[in-house]
Amino acid sequence: MAKEQSDKDKNYWMSFSLRVFAESTGWIAFPVLGALYFGRWLSSRKNSGHFFFFSLTGMAFIISCIGLARTGQKYLKQ
């Protein structure tokens, strides 16, 4: 009985940690990668130097920070 409870605890914490990791990675990867590609494309299309590239990358960084903070607060409440 104790072994089954121990296995359930391990599975719960493994699932929980993978969920936190996936959500945190998503908040980092998707906004930044999207901004890098879209910013490079937009800057080359509008012939604006690197203005759109750097501004979208900066906004993506801010969005990532806010998303990570909200995710951290959500899991700290649990």
N, C-alpha and C. Protein backbone atom coordinates (compact mmCIF):
# COMPACT_ATOMS: atom_id res chain seq x y z
N MET A 1 0.82 -1.19 0.00
CA MET A 1 0.00 0.00 0.00
C MET A 1 0.86 1.26 0.00
N ALA A 2 1.91 1.27 0.81
CA ALA A 2 2.78 2.44 0.89
C ALA A 2 3.54 2.64 -0.41
N LYS A 3 3.91 1.52 -1.06
CA LYS A 3 4.63 1.60 -2.34
C LYS A 3 3.75 2.23 -3.41
N GLU A 4 2.46 1.84 -3.43
CA GLU A 4 1.53 2.42 -4.40
C GLU A 4 1.37 3.93 -4.19
N GLN A 5 1.28 4.34 -2.94
CA GLN A 5 1.14 5.77 -2.63
C GLN A 5 2.41 6.53 -3.03
N SER A 6 3.56 5.91 -2.81
CA SER A 6 4.83 6.53 -3.19
C SER A 6 4.92 6.70 -4.70
N ASP A 7 4.49 5.69 -5.44
CA ASP A 7 4.50 5.78 -6.90
C ASP A 7 3.54 6.85 -7.40
N LYS A 8 2.37 6.97 -6.76
CA LYS A 8 1.42 8.01 -7.14
C LYS A 8 1.99 9.39 -6.86
N ASP A 9 2.68 9.56 -5.74
CA ASP A 9 3.31 10.84 -5.42
C ASP A 9 4.38 11.19 -6.44
N LYS A 10 5.19 10.21 -6.80
CA LYS A 10 6.25 10.45 -7.80
C LYS A 10 5.64 10.83 -9.14
N ASN A 11 4.59 10.12 -9.54
CA ASN A 11 3.94 10.43 -10.81
C ASN A 11 3.32 11.82 -10.79
N TYR A 12 2.71 12.19 -9.66
CA TYR A 12 2.10 13.52 -9.57
C TYR A 12 3.16 14.60 -9.70
N TRP A 13 4.27 14.47 -8.97
CA TRP A 13 5.29 15.51 -9.01
C TRP A 13 6.02 15.54 -10.35
N MET A 14 6.18 14.40 -10.99
CA MET A 14 6.79 14.38 -12.31
C MET A 14 5.87 15.07 -13.32
N SER A 15 4.59 14.77 -13.25
CA SER A 15 3.62 15.41 -14.14
C SER A 15 3.57 16.92 -13.89
N PHE A 16 3.56 17.30 -12.63
CA PHE A 16 3.51 18.71 -12.26
C PHE A 16 4.75 19.46 -12.77
N SER A 17 5.92 18.87 -12.57
CA SER A 17 7.15 19.54 -12.99
C SER A 17 7.23 19.65 -14.51
N LEU A 18 6.79 18.63 -15.23
CA LEU A 18 6.79 18.70 -16.69
C LEU A 18 5.79 19.73 -17.20
N ARG A 19 4.67 19.88 -16.53
CA ARG A 19 3.68 20.89 -16.90
C ARG A 19 4.24 22.30 -16.72
N VAL A 20 4.90 22.53 -15.59
CA VAL A 20 5.51 23.84 -15.32
C VAL A 20 6.61 24.12 -16.35
N PHE A 21 7.44 23.12 -16.63
CA PHE A 21 8.51 23.29 -17.61
C PHE A 21 7.96 23.61 -18.99
N ALA A 22 6.94 22.88 -19.43
CA ALA A 22 6.37 23.10 -20.76
C ALA A 22 5.74 24.48 -20.87
N GLU A 23 5.03 24.89 -19.84
CA GLU A 23 4.38 26.20 -19.90
C GLU A 23 5.42 27.33 -19.89
N SER A 24 6.45 27.18 -19.07
CA SER A 24 7.50 28.20 -19.01
C SER A 24 8.27 28.28 -20.32
N THR A 25 8.59 27.13 -20.89
CA THR A 25 9.30 27.10 -22.16
C THR A 25 8.46 27.72 -23.27
N GLY A 26 7.17 27.45 -23.24
CA GLY A 26 6.27 28.05 -24.24
C GLY A 26 6.24 29.56 -24.15
N TRP A 27 6.26 30.09 -22.92
CA TRP A 27 6.26 31.55 -22.76
C TRP A 27 7.57 32.17 -23.23
N ILE A 28 8.63 31.41 -23.24
CA ILE A 28 9.91 31.94 -23.71
C ILE A 28 10.03 31.77 -25.22
N ALA A 29 9.76 30.57 -25.70
CA ALA A 29 10.06 30.24 -27.08
C ALA A 29 9.13 30.88 -28.10
N PHE A 30 7.84 30.76 -27.92
CA PHE A 30 6.92 31.19 -28.96
C PHE A 30 6.93 32.70 -29.22
N PRO A 31 6.84 33.55 -28.20
CA PRO A 31 6.88 34.98 -28.50
C PRO A 31 8.22 35.45 -29.09
N VAL A 32 9.31 34.94 -28.54
CA VAL A 32 10.62 35.40 -29.01
C VAL A 32 10.91 34.89 -30.42
N LEU A 33 10.68 33.62 -30.68
CA LEU A 33 10.92 33.10 -32.03
C LEU A 33 10.00 33.73 -33.05
N GLY A 34 8.74 33.91 -32.70
CA GLY A 34 7.82 34.58 -33.61
C GLY A 34 8.25 36.00 -33.92
N ALA A 35 8.68 36.73 -32.89
CA ALA A 35 9.12 38.11 -33.09
C ALA A 35 10.40 38.17 -33.92
N LEU A 36 11.30 37.23 -33.72
CA LEU A 36 12.55 37.24 -34.49
C LEU A 36 12.28 37.04 -35.97
N TYR A 37 11.47 36.05 -36.31
CA TYR A 37 11.18 35.79 -37.72
C TYR A 37 10.30 36.88 -38.33
N PHE A 38 9.24 37.25 -37.63
CA PHE A 38 8.34 38.27 -38.16
C PHE A 38 9.03 39.63 -38.23
N GLY A 39 9.84 39.96 -37.24
CA GLY A 39 10.56 41.23 -37.25
C GLY A 39 11.56 41.31 -38.37
N ARG A 40 12.28 40.21 -38.61
CA ARG A 40 13.25 40.20 -39.72
C ARG A 40 12.53 40.34 -41.05
N TRP A 41 11.41 39.64 -41.22
CA TRP A 41 10.66 39.72 -42.46
C TRP A 41 10.10 41.13 -42.67
N LEU A 42 9.54 41.70 -41.60
CA LEU A 42 8.94 43.02 -41.70
C LEU A 42 9.99 44.10 -41.96
N SER A 43 11.13 43.99 -41.32
CA SER A 43 12.20 44.97 -41.53
C SER A 43 12.73 44.92 -42.96
N SER A 44 12.87 43.71 -43.51
CA SER A 44 13.37 43.61 -44.88
C SER A 44 12.31 44.07 -45.88
N ARG A 45 11.05 43.84 -45.57
CA ARG A 45 9.98 44.23 -46.48
C ARG A 45 9.78 45.75 -46.51
N LYS A 46 9.92 46.40 -45.37
CA LYS A 46 9.69 47.84 -45.28
C LYS A 46 10.98 48.66 -45.45
N ASN A 47 12.11 47.99 -45.63
CA ASN A 47 13.41 48.66 -45.76
C ASN A 47 13.64 49.66 -44.63
N SER A 48 13.45 49.20 -43.41
CA SER A 48 13.58 50.09 -42.25
C SER A 48 14.81 49.80 -41.43
N GLY A 49 15.79 49.15 -42.02
CA GLY A 49 16.95 48.77 -41.23
C GLY A 49 16.56 47.63 -40.31
N HIS A 50 16.86 47.77 -39.05
CA HIS A 50 16.52 46.74 -38.08
C HIS A 50 15.49 47.23 -37.07
N PHE A 51 14.75 48.26 -37.41
CA PHE A 51 13.80 48.86 -36.47
C PHE A 51 12.74 47.85 -36.01
N PHE A 52 12.04 47.22 -36.95
CA PHE A 52 10.98 46.28 -36.59
C PHE A 52 11.54 45.04 -35.89
N PHE A 53 12.71 44.59 -36.35
CA PHE A 53 13.35 43.42 -35.75
C PHE A 53 13.60 43.65 -34.26
N PHE A 54 14.24 44.76 -33.92
CA PHE A 54 14.58 45.02 -32.52
C PHE A 54 13.36 45.40 -31.68
N SER A 55 12.44 46.15 -32.26
CA SER A 55 11.26 46.55 -31.48
C SER A 55 10.35 45.36 -31.18
N LEU A 56 10.13 44.48 -32.16
CA LEU A 56 9.32 43.29 -31.91
C LEU A 56 10.01 42.32 -30.96
N THR A 57 11.33 42.20 -31.07
CA THR A 57 12.06 41.34 -30.15
C THR A 57 11.98 41.88 -28.73
N GLY A 58 12.06 43.18 -28.55
CA GLY A 58 11.92 43.78 -27.23
C GLY A 58 10.53 43.58 -26.65
N MET A 59 9.52 43.75 -27.49
CA MET A 59 8.14 43.52 -27.02
C MET A 59 7.93 42.05 -26.66
N ALA A 60 8.51 41.14 -27.43
CA ALA A 60 8.39 39.72 -27.13
C ALA A 60 9.06 39.39 -25.80
N PHE A 61 10.18 40.03 -25.52
CA PHE A 61 10.86 39.82 -24.25
C PHE A 61 9.98 40.27 -23.10
N ILE A 62 9.33 41.41 -23.24
CA ILE A 62 8.44 41.92 -22.19
C ILE A 62 7.24 40.98 -22.02
N ILE A 63 6.66 40.52 -23.12
CA ILE A 63 5.54 39.58 -23.06
C ILE A 63 5.96 38.29 -22.37
N SER A 64 7.16 37.80 -22.69
CA SER A 64 7.66 36.58 -22.05
C SER A 64 7.84 36.77 -20.55
N CYS A 65 8.37 37.90 -20.15
CA CYS A 65 8.55 38.16 -18.72
C CYS A 65 7.22 38.22 -17.98
N ILE A 66 6.24 38.87 -18.57
CA ILE A 66 4.92 38.96 -17.94
C ILE A 66 4.28 37.58 -17.88
N GLY A 67 4.37 36.81 -18.95
CA GLY A 67 3.81 35.47 -18.96
C GLY A 67 4.47 34.55 -17.95
N LEU A 68 5.79 34.64 -17.82
CA LEU A 68 6.49 33.82 -16.84
C LEU A 68 6.12 34.21 -15.42
N ALA A 69 5.96 35.51 -15.18
CA ALA A 69 5.57 35.96 -13.84
C ALA A 69 4.17 35.47 -13.48
N ARG A 70 3.26 35.55 -14.43
CA ARG A 70 1.89 35.07 -14.17
C ARG A 70 1.86 33.56 -13.96
N THR A 71 2.66 32.83 -14.74
CA THR A 71 2.74 31.38 -14.57
C THR A 71 3.32 31.04 -13.21
N GLY A 72 4.36 31.74 -12.81
CA GLY A 72 4.96 31.50 -11.50
C GLY A 72 3.98 31.78 -10.37
N GLN A 73 3.23 32.86 -10.48
CA GLN A 73 2.24 33.17 -9.45
C GLN A 73 1.15 32.11 -9.39
N LYS A 74 0.74 31.63 -10.55
CA LYS A 74 -0.31 30.61 -10.60
C LYS A 74 0.15 29.34 -9.88
N TYR A 75 1.37 28.90 -10.14
CA TYR A 75 1.84 27.68 -9.53
C TYR A 75 2.27 27.87 -8.07
N LEU A 76 2.63 29.06 -7.68
CA LEU A 76 2.93 29.31 -6.28
C LEU A 76 1.67 29.26 -5.42
N LYS A 77 0.53 29.63 -5.99
CA LYS A 77 -0.74 29.57 -5.25
C LYS A 77 -1.16 28.13 -4.99
N GLN A 78 -0.71 27.22 -5.84
CA GLN A 78 -1.05 25.80 -5.64
C GLN A 78 -0.20 25.30 -4.53
